PDB file of N, CA and C in Angstrom:
ATOM      1  N   MET A   1     114.850  61.935  55.635  1.00  0.00           N
ATOM      2  CA  MET A   1     115.741  62.004  56.993  1.00  0.00           C
ATOM      3  C   MET A   1     114.958  62.803  58.187  1.00  0.00           C
ATOM      4  N   SER A   2     115.032  62.076  59.369  1.00  0.00           N
ATOM      5  CA  SER A   2     114.119  62.815  60.549  1.00  0.00           C
ATOM      6  C   SER A   2     115.581  63.099  61.138  1.00  0.00           C
ATOM      7  N   GLN A   3     114.619  64.507  62.102  1.00  0.00           N
ATOM      8  CA  GLN A   3     115.126  64.651  62.557  1.00  0.00           C
ATOM      9  C   GLN A   3     115.498  65.082  64.060  1.00  0.00           C
ATOM     10  N   THR A   4     116.773  65.245  64.767  1.00  0.00           N
ATOM     11  CA  THR A   4     116.667  64.653  66.099  1.00  0.00           C
ATOM     12  C   THR A   4     116.237  66.129  66.389  1.00  0.00           C
ATOM     13  N   ILE A   5     116.541  65.513  68.225  1.00  0.00           N
ATOM     14  CA  ILE A   5     116.260  65.764  69.048  1.00  0.00           C
ATOM     15  C   ILE A   5     116.545  67.806  69.219  1.00  0.00           C
ATOM     16  N   PHE A   6     118.014  66.800  69.301  1.00  0.00           N
ATOM     17  CA  PHE A   6     118.312  68.066  69.568  1.00  0.00           C
ATOM     18  C   PHE A   6     117.973  69.395  68.332  1.00  0.00           C
ATOM     19  N   GLU A   7     118.368  68.690  66.767  1.00  0.00           N
ATOM     20  CA  GLU A   7     118.033  70.017  65.365  1.00  0.00           C
ATOM     21  C   GLU A   7     116.674  70.612  65.819  1.00  0.00           C
ATOM     22  N   ARG A   8     115.650  69.498  66.137  1.00  0.00           N
ATOM     23  CA  ARG A   8     114.067  70.553  66.198  1.00  0.00           C
ATOM     24  C   ARG A   8     114.089  71.352  67.381  1.00  0.00           C
ATOM     25  N   ASN A   9     115.140  71.040  68.082  1.00  0.00           N
ATOM     26  CA  ASN A   9     115.096  72.020  69.644  1.00  0.00           C
ATOM     27  C   ASN A   9     115.522  72.689  69.246  1.00  0.00           C
ATOM     28  N   GLY A  10     116.165  73.311  68.125  1.00  0.00           N
ATOM     29  CA  GLY A  10     116.993  74.603  67.822  1.00  0.00           C
ATOM     30  C   GLY A  10     118.817  74.650  67.793  1.00  0.00           C
ATOM     31  N   GLY A  11     119.162  73.089  68.040  1.00  0.00           N
ATOM     32  CA  GLY A  11     121.115  73.272  68.369  1.00  0.00           C
ATOM     33  C   GLY A  11     121.386  73.728  70.053  1.00  0.00           C
ATOM     34  N   PHE A  12     122.976  73.439  69.330  1.00  0.00           N
ATOM     35  CA  PHE A  12     123.736  74.644  70.399  1.00  0.00           C
ATOM     36  C   PHE A  12     122.656  75.510  71.154  1.00  0.00           C
ATOM     37  N   SER A  13     122.244  76.618  70.356  1.00  0.00           N
ATOM     38  CA  SER A  13     122.541  77.506  71.208  1.00  0.00           C
ATOM     39  C   SER A  13     121.097  77.787  72.213  1.00  0.00           C
ATOM     40  N   SER A  14     120.172  76.727  71.508  1.00  0.00           N
ATOM     41  CA  SER A  14     118.688  76.379  72.193  1.00  0.00           C
ATOM     42  C   SER A  14     119.033  76.088  73.676  1.00  0.00           C
ATOM     43  N   VAL A  15     120.386  74.523  73.285  1.00  0.00           N
ATOM     44  CA  VAL A  15     120.707  73.795  74.593  1.00  0.00           C
ATOM     45  C   VAL A  15     121.706  74.897  75.546  1.00  0.00           C
ATOM     46  N   SER A  16     122.181  75.891  75.146  1.00  0.00           N
ATOM     47  CA  SER A  16     123.051  76.730  75.473  1.00  0.00           C
ATOM     48  C   SER A  16     122.523  76.758  76.384  1.00  0.00           C
ATOM     49  N   MET A  17     121.348  77.909  76.007  1.00  0.00           N
ATOM     50  CA  MET A  17     120.284  78.997  76.798  1.00  0.00           C
ATOM     51  C   MET A  17     119.474  78.063  78.259  1.00  0.00           C
ATOM     52  N   ILE A  18     119.577  76.791  77.915  1.00  0.00           N
ATOM     53  CA  ILE A  18     118.732  76.064  79.212  1.00  0.00           C
ATOM     54  C   ILE A  18     120.379  75.527  79.870  1.00  0.00           C
ATOM     55  N   VAL A  19     121.039  75.102  79.324  1.00  0.00           N
ATOM     56  CA  VAL A  19     122.353  74.665  80.523  1.00  0.00           C
ATOM     57  C   VAL A  19     122.563  76.468  81.222  1.00  0.00           C
ATOM     58  N   MET A  20     122.350  77.301  80.909  1.00  0.00           N
ATOM     59  CA  MET A  20     122.671  78.102  81.812  1.00  0.00           C
ATOM     60  C   MET A  20     122.407  78.619  82.616  1.00  0.00           C
ATOM     61  N   SER A  21     121.040  78.660  82.094  1.00  0.00           N
ATOM     62  CA  SER A  21     119.213  78.605  83.181  1.00  0.00           C
ATOM     63  C   SER A  21     119.733  77.556  84.247  1.00  0.00           C
ATOM     64  N   PHE A  22     120.215  76.273  83.860  1.00  0.00           N
ATOM     65  CA  PHE A  22     119.819  75.799  84.851  1.00  0.00           C
ATOM     66  C   PHE A  22     121.476  75.952  86.205  1.00  0.00           C
ATOM     67  N   TYR A  23     122.287  76.232  85.412  1.00  0.00           N
ATOM     68  CA  TYR A  23     123.478  76.889  85.812  1.00  0.00           C
ATOM     69  C   TYR A  23     123.399  77.958  87.143  1.00  0.00           C
ATOM     70  N   GLU A  24     122.177  78.215  87.057  1.00  0.00           N
ATOM     71  CA  GLU A  24     122.385  79.397  87.480  1.00  0.00           C
ATOM     72  C   GLU A  24     121.461  79.226  88.650  1.00  0.00           C
ATOM     73  N   LYS A  25     120.066  77.903  88.582  1.00  0.00           N
ATOM     74  CA  LYS A  25     119.816  77.587  90.003  1.00  0.00           C
ATOM     75  C   LYS A  25     120.797  76.674  90.539  1.00  0.00           C
ATOM     76  N   ILE A  26     121.714  76.072  89.950  1.00  0.00           N
ATOM     77  CA  ILE A  26     122.649  75.441  90.610  1.00  0.00           C
ATOM     78  C   ILE A  26     123.893  76.303  91.430  1.00  0.00           C
ATOM     79  N   LEU A  27     124.072  77.142  91.301  1.00  0.00           N
ATOM     80  CA  LEU A  27     124.874  78.142  91.592  1.00  0.00           C
ATOM     81  C   LEU A  27     124.406  78.689  93.424  1.00  0.00           C
ATOM     82  N   ALA A  28     122.482  79.043  92.123  1.00  0.00           N
ATOM     83  CA  ALA A  28     121.676  79.591  93.840  1.00  0.00           C
ATOM     84  C   ALA A  28     121.631  78.974  94.943  1.00  0.00           C
ATOM     85  N   SER A  29     121.557  77.533  94.751  1.00  0.00           N
ATOM     86  CA  SER A  29     121.030  76.553  95.950  1.00  0.00           C
ATOM     87  C   SER A  29     122.101  75.990  97.069  1.00  0.00           C
ATOM     88  N   PRO A  30     122.088  76.238  98.353  1.00  0.00           N
ATOM     89  CA  PRO A  30     123.256  76.487  99.382  1.00  0.00           C
ATOM     90  C   PRO A  30     123.685  74.854  99.082  1.00  0.00           C
ATOM     91  N   VAL A  31     123.256  74.126  98.508  1.00  0.00           N
ATOM     92  CA  VAL A  31     123.022  72.418  98.709  1.00  0.00           C
ATOM     93  C   VAL A  31     123.834  72.171  97.154  1.00  0.00           C
ATOM     94  N   THR A  32     123.475  72.985  95.980  1.00  0.00           N
ATOM     95  CA  THR A  32     124.966  72.625  94.885  1.00  0.00           C
ATOM     96  C   THR A  32     125.835  73.740  95.340  1.00  0.00           C
ATOM     97  N   ASN A  33     126.168  74.601  94.945  1.00  0.00           N
ATOM     98  CA  ASN A  33     126.918  76.317  95.108  1.00  0.00           C
ATOM     99  C   ASN A  33     128.045  75.623  95.411  1.00  0.00           C
ATOM    100  N   PRO A  34     128.480  74.903  96.731  1.00  0.00           N
ATOM    101  CA  PRO A  34     129.388  74.501  97.251  1.00  0.00           C
ATOM    102  C   PRO A  34     130.663  74.147  96.168  1.00  0.00           C
ATOM    103  N   PHE A  35     129.640  72.120  95.492  1.00  0.00           N
ATOM    104  CA  PHE A  35     130.447  72.267  94.666  1.00  0.00           C
ATOM    105  C   PHE A  35     131.099  72.834  93.483  1.00  0.00           C
ATOM    106  N   PHE A  36     130.276  73.753  93.095  1.00  0.00           N
ATOM    107  CA  PHE A  36     131.189  74.742  91.899  1.00  0.00           C
ATOM    108  C   PHE A  36     131.644  76.136  92.616  1.00  0.00           C
ATOM    109  N   GLU A  37     132.141  76.269  93.400  1.00  0.00           N
ATOM    110  CA  GLU A  37     132.827  77.533  94.329  1.00  0.00           C
ATOM    111  C   GLU A  37     134.279  77.492  93.375  1.00  0.00           C
ATOM    112  N   ASN A  38     134.845  76.638  93.110  1.00  0.00           N
ATOM    113  CA  ASN A  38     136.282  77.157  92.164  1.00  0.00           C
ATOM    114  C   ASN A  38     136.780  76.027  91.020  1.00  0.00           C
ATOM    115  N   SER A  39     135.166  76.468  90.144  1.00  0.00           N
ATOM    116  CA  SER A  39     134.651  75.767  89.131  1.00  0.00           C
ATOM    117  C   SER A  39     135.244  77.080  88.369  1.00  0.00           C
ATOM    118  N   ASP A  40     135.327  76.432  86.880  1.00  0.00           N
ATOM    119  CA  ASP A  40     135.351  77.509  85.808  1.00  0.00           C
ATOM    120  C   ASP A  40     134.361  77.462  85.221  1.00  0.00           C
ATOM    121  N   MET A  41     132.783  78.380  84.955  1.00  0.00           N
ATOM    122  CA  MET A  41     132.593  77.837  85.330  1.00  0.00           C
ATOM    123  C   MET A  41     132.050  78.295  83.746  1.00  0.00           C
ATOM    124  N   LYS A  42     132.788  78.824  82.459  1.00  0.00           N
ATOM    125  CA  LYS A  42     132.749  78.851  81.305  1.00  0.00           C
ATOM    126  C   LYS A  42     132.677  77.844  80.811  1.00  0.00           C
ATOM    127  N   THR A  43     134.141  76.916  81.310  1.00  0.00           N
ATOM    128  CA  THR A  43     134.102  75.983  80.330  1.00  0.00           C
ATOM    129  C   THR A  43     133.212  74.608  80.979  1.00  0.00           C
ATOM    130  N   LEU A  44     132.650  74.805  82.315  1.00  0.00           N
ATOM    131  CA  LEU A  44     131.822  73.950  82.650  1.00  0.00           C
ATOM    132  C   LEU A  44     130.490  73.984  82.143  1.00  0.00           C
ATOM    133  N   ILE A  45     130.100  75.330  81.373  1.00  0.00           N
ATOM    134  CA  ILE A  45     128.525  75.425  80.511  1.00  0.00           C
ATOM    135  C   ILE A  45     129.656  74.771  79.504  1.00  0.00           C
ATOM    136  N   ASP A  46     130.497  74.665  78.698  1.00  0.00           N
ATOM    137  CA  ASP A  46     130.749  74.470  77.642  1.00  0.00           C
ATOM    138  C   ASP A  46     130.758  73.308  77.637  1.00  0.00           C
ATOM    139  N   HIS A  47     130.953  73.058  78.602  1.00  0.00           N
ATOM    140  CA  HIS A  47     131.311  70.554  78.811  1.00  0.00           C
ATOM    141  C   HIS A  47     129.563  70.565  78.526  1.00  0.00           C
ATOM    142  N   GLN A  48     128.763  71.028  79.792  1.00  0.00           N
ATOM    143  CA  GLN A  48     127.219  70.674  79.580  1.00  0.00           C
ATOM    144  C   GLN A  48     126.457  70.562  78.523  1.00  0.00           C
ATOM    145  N   THR A  49     127.121  71.829  77.735  1.00  0.00           N
ATOM    146  CA  THR A  49     126.282  71.830  76.240  1.00  0.00           C
ATOM    147  C   THR A  49     126.790  70.826  75.807  1.00  0.00           C
ATOM    148  N   LYS A  50     127.389  70.640  75.578  1.00  0.00           N
ATOM    149  CA  LYS A  50     127.542  69.121  74.713  1.00  0.00           C
ATOM    150  C   LYS A  50     127.207  67.942  75.270  1.00  0.00           C
ATOM    151  N   PHE A  51     127.097  68.025  76.676  1.00  0.00           N
ATOM    152  CA  PHE A  51     126.974  66.156  76.895  1.00  0.00           C
ATOM    153  C   PHE A  51     125.255  66.688  76.975  1.00  0.00           C
ATOM    154  N   ILE A  52     124.574  67.938  76.801  1.00  0.00           N
ATOM    155  CA  ILE A  52     123.180  67.161  76.708  1.00  0.00           C
ATOM    156  C   ILE A  52     123.144  67.701  75.915  1.00  0.00           C
ATOM    157  N   ALA A  53     124.086  68.077  74.811  1.00  0.00           N
ATOM    158  CA  ALA A  53     123.056  68.354  73.192  1.00  0.00           C
ATOM    159  C   ALA A  53     123.277  66.808  72.784  1.00  0.00           C
ATOM    160  N   SER A  54     124.357  65.815  73.300  1.00  0.00           N
ATOM    161  CA  SER A  54     124.607  64.076  72.831  1.00  0.00           C
ATOM    162  C   SER A  54     123.386  63.624  73.341  1.00  0.00           C
ATOM    163  N   MET A  55     122.765  64.201  74.597  1.00  0.00           N
ATOM    164  CA  MET A  55     122.017  62.975  74.914  1.00  0.00           C
ATOM    165  C   MET A  55     120.706  63.431  74.181  1.00  0.00           C
ATOM    166  N   MET A  56     120.838  64.828  73.422  1.00  0.00           N
ATOM    167  CA  MET A  56     119.242  65.110  72.322  1.00  0.00           C
ATOM    168  C   MET A  56     119.833  63.639  71.197  1.00  0.00           C
ATOM    169  N   GLY A  57     120.495  63.650  70.677  1.00  0.00           N
ATOM    170  CA  GLY A  57     121.072  62.893  69.728  1.00  0.00           C
ATOM    171  C   GLY A  57     122.198  64.103  69.091  1.00  0.00           C
ATOM    172  N   GLY A  58     122.579  64.836  69.237  1.00  0.00           N
ATOM    173  CA  GLY A  58     123.602  66.893  68.504  1.00  0.00           C
ATOM    174  C   GLY A  58     125.654  65.608  68.761  1.00  0.00           C
ATOM    175  N   PRO A  59     125.675  66.448  68.315  1.00  0.00           N
ATOM    176  CA  PRO A  59     127.490  66.728  68.152  1.00  0.00           C
ATOM    177  C   PRO A  59     128.147  66.193  69.556  1.00  0.00           C
ATOM    178  N   ALA A  60     128.759  65.529  69.981  1.00  0.00           N
ATOM    179  CA  ALA A  60     129.657  65.747  70.894  1.00  0.00           C
ATOM    180  C   ALA A  60     129.225  63.755  71.723  1.00  0.00           C
ATOM    181  N   SER A  61     130.046  63.249  72.519  1.00  0.00           N
ATOM    182  CA  SER A  61     129.314  62.586  72.821  1.00  0.00           C
ATOM    183  C   SER A  61     130.477  62.182  74.237  1.00  0.00           C
ATOM    184  N   TYR A  62     129.640  61.127  74.923  1.00  0.00           N
ATOM    185  CA  TYR A  62     130.605  61.586  76.583  1.00  0.00           C
ATOM    186  C   TYR A  62     130.201  60.051  77.180  1.00  0.00           C
ATOM    187  N   THR A  63     131.202  58.908  77.896  1.00  0.00           N
ATOM    188  CA  THR A  63     130.766  57.715  77.860  1.00  0.00           C
ATOM    189  C   THR A  63     130.656  57.760  79.412  1.00  0.00           C
ATOM    190  N   ASN A  64     129.795  56.617  79.790  1.00  0.00           N
ATOM    191  CA  ASN A  64     129.338  56.530  81.403  1.00  0.00           C
ATOM    192  C   ASN A  64     130.852  56.496  82.250  1.00  0.00           C
ATOM    193  N   ASP A  65     131.796  56.448  81.892  1.00  0.00           N
ATOM    194  CA  ASP A  65     132.944  55.644  82.364  1.00  0.00           C
ATOM    195  C   ASP A  65     133.837  57.480  82.068  1.00  0.00           C
ATOM    196  N   HIS A  66     133.822  58.026  81.546  1.00  0.00           N
ATOM    197  CA  HIS A  66     134.783  59.584  81.124  1.00  0.00           C
ATOM    198  C   HIS A  66     134.070  60.086  82.767  1.00  0.00           C
ATOM    199  N   LEU A  67     132.598  59.762  82.277  1.00  0.00           N
ATOM    200  CA  LEU A  67     131.628  60.987  83.315  1.00  0.00           C
ATOM    201  C   LEU A  67     132.518  60.237  84.936  1.00  0.00           C
ATOM    202  N   GLU A  68     132.058  59.486  84.948  1.00  0.00           N
ATOM    203  CA  GLU A  68     132.456  58.583  86.125  1.00  0.00           C
ATOM    204  C   GLU A  68     133.779  58.483  87.296  1.00  0.00           C
ATOM    205  N   ARG A  69     134.347  59.333  86.503  1.00  0.00           N
ATOM    206  CA  ARG A  69     136.178  60.445  86.176  1.00  0.00           C
ATOM    207  C   ARG A  69     136.073  60.937  86.759  1.00  0.00           C
ATOM    208  N   VAL A  70     135.917  61.755  86.141  1.00  0.00           N
ATOM    209  CA  VAL A  70     134.986  63.130  86.332  1.00  0.00           C
ATOM    210  C   VAL A  70     134.524  64.281  87.508  1.00  0.00           C
ATOM    211  N   HIS A  71     133.688  62.826  87.884  1.00  0.00           N
ATOM    212  CA  HIS A  71     132.734  62.962  88.677  1.00  0.00           C
ATOM    213  C   HIS A  71     133.330  62.848  90.391  1.00  0.00           C
ATOM    214  N   ALA A  72     133.678  61.547  90.252  1.00  0.00           N
ATOM    215  CA  ALA A  72     135.293  60.867  91.687  1.00  0.00           C
ATOM    216  C   ALA A  72     135.419  61.834  92.482  1.00  0.00           C
ATOM    217  N   ARG A  73     135.782  62.393  92.125  1.00  0.00           N
ATOM    218  CA  ARG A  73     136.881  63.020  93.487  1.00  0.00           C
ATOM    219  C   ARG A  73     135.976  64.614  93.599  1.00  0.00           C
ATOM    220  N   LEU A  74     134.684  64.457  93.595  1.00  0.00           N
ATOM    221  CA  LEU A  74     134.133  65.339  93.657  1.00  0.00           C
ATOM    222  C   LEU A  74     132.734  65.074  95.217  1.00  0.00           C
ATOM    223  N   GLY A  75     132.982  63.885  95.566  1.00  0.00           N
ATOM    224  CA  GLY A  75     132.160  64.159  96.865  1.00  0.00           C
ATOM    225  C   GLY A  75     130.809  63.842  96.313  1.00  0.00           C
ATOM    226  N   ILE A  76     129.975  64.245  96.216  1.00  0.00           N
ATOM    227  CA  ILE A  76     128.622  64.559  95.989  1.00  0.00           C
ATOM    228  C   ILE A  76     127.998  63.987  96.528  1.00  0.00           C
ATOM    229  N   THR A  77     127.283  64.411  96.978  1.00  0.00           N
ATOM    230  CA  THR A  77     126.190  64.101  98.346  1.00  0.00           C
ATOM    231  C   THR A  77     125.081  63.908  97.613  1.00  0.00           C
ATOM    232  N   GLU A  78     124.215  62.256  98.226  1.00  0.00           N
ATOM    233  CA  GLU A  78     122.849  62.220  97.517  1.00  0.00           C
ATOM    234  C   GLU A  78     122.155  63.694  97.406  1.00  0.00           C
ATOM    235  N   ALA A  79     122.128  64.390  98.474  1.00  0.00           N
ATOM    236  CA  ALA A  79     121.174  65.569  99.002  1.00  0.00           C
ATOM    237  C   ALA A  79     121.611  66.348  97.609  1.00  0.00           C
ATOM    238  N   ALA A  80     122.632  66.403  96.995  1.00  0.00           N
ATOM    239  CA  ALA A  80     123.620  67.804  96.226  1.00  0.00           C
ATOM    240  C   ALA A  80     122.992  66.951  94.928  1.00  0.00           C
ATOM    241  N   TYR A  81     122.994  65.328  94.676  1.00  0.00           N
ATOM    242  CA  TYR A  81     122.717  64.655  93.274  1.00  0.00           C
ATOM    243  C   TYR A  81     120.956  65.165  92.749  1.00  0.00           C
ATOM    244  N   ARG A  82     120.746  64.856  94.115  1.00  0.00           N
ATOM    245  CA  ARG A  82     118.969  64.720  93.881  1.00  0.00           C
ATOM    246  C   ARG A  82     118.877  66.576  93.575  1.00  0.00           C
ATOM    247  N   GLU A  83     119.125  66.697  94.599  1.00  0.00           N
ATOM    248  CA  GLU A  83     118.433  68.630  93.666  1.00  0.00           C
ATOM    249  C   GLU A  83     119.014  68.936  92.433  1.00  0.00           C
ATOM    250  N   ALA A  84     120.078  68.027  91.876  1.00  0.00           N
ATOM    251  CA  ALA A  84     120.636  68.897  90.613  1.00  0.00           C
ATOM    252  C   ALA A  84     119.660  68.297  90.313  1.00  0.00           C
ATOM    253  N   VAL A  85     119.268  66.817  90.114  1.00  0.00           N
ATOM    254  CA  VAL A  85     118.532  66.432  89.356  1.00  0.00           C
ATOM    255  C   VAL A  85     116.657  67.169  89.297  1.00  0.00           C
ATOM    256  N   GLU A  86     116.869  67.303  90.629  1.00  0.00           N
ATOM    257  CA  GLU A  86     115.414  67.761  89.548  1.00  0.00           C
ATOM    258  C   GLU A  86     115.081  69.039  89.438  1.00  0.00           C
ATOM    259  N   MET A  87     116.844  69.492  89.451  1.00  0.00           N
ATOM    260  CA  MET A  87     116.689  71.196  88.707  1.00  0.00           C
ATOM    261  C   MET A  87     116.755  71.784  87.254  1.00  0.00           C
ATOM    262  N   LEU A  88     117.648  70.112  86.704  1.00  0.00           N
ATOM    263  CA  LEU A  88     117.752  70.279  85.288  1.00  0.00           C
ATOM    264  C   LEU A  88     116.480  69.590  84.697  1.00  0.00           C
ATOM    265  N   GLU A  89     115.776  68.813  85.572  1.00  0.00           N
ATOM    266  CA  GLU A  89     113.779  68.483  85.144  1.00  0.00           C
ATOM    267  C   GLU A  89     113.584  69.510  85.295  1.00  0.00           C
ATOM    268  N   GLU A  90     113.361  70.219  86.237  1.00  0.00           N
ATOM    269  CA  GLU A  90     112.585  72.263  86.379  1.00  0.00           C
ATOM    270  C   GLU A  90     112.511  72.828  85.138  1.00  0.00           C
ATOM    271  N   THR A  91     114.314  72.797  84.786  1.00  0.00           N
ATOM    272  CA  THR A  91     114.981  73.618  83.504  1.00  0.00           C
ATOM    273  C   THR A  91     114.199  72.964  82.355  1.00  0.00           C
ATOM    274  N   LEU A  92     114.234  71.670  82.205  1.00  0.00           N
ATOM    275  CA  LEU A  92     113.895  71.010  81.150  1.00  0.00           C
ATOM    276  C   LEU A  92     112.488  71.504  80.561  1.00  0.00           C
TER     277      LEU A  92
END
């Protein structure tokens, strides 16, 4: 049986380190930081770790509908979205 990308890259501990590094960049950016001012970062990092893990073939999964519902009320701008994507790509 072949391993998933998640398993080959160290599982939750490695993904968690990636996510924490990503959020350090997010919080340092004047474009993306305002979206997180009132966020419980510990919970957010936990959710994002599970999301990235699921994208890598690990446990936990989220549907597109769920993600859209969670983010719909945030008013995320195109500039903030693009910057977050660039920071995630850079982190990965």
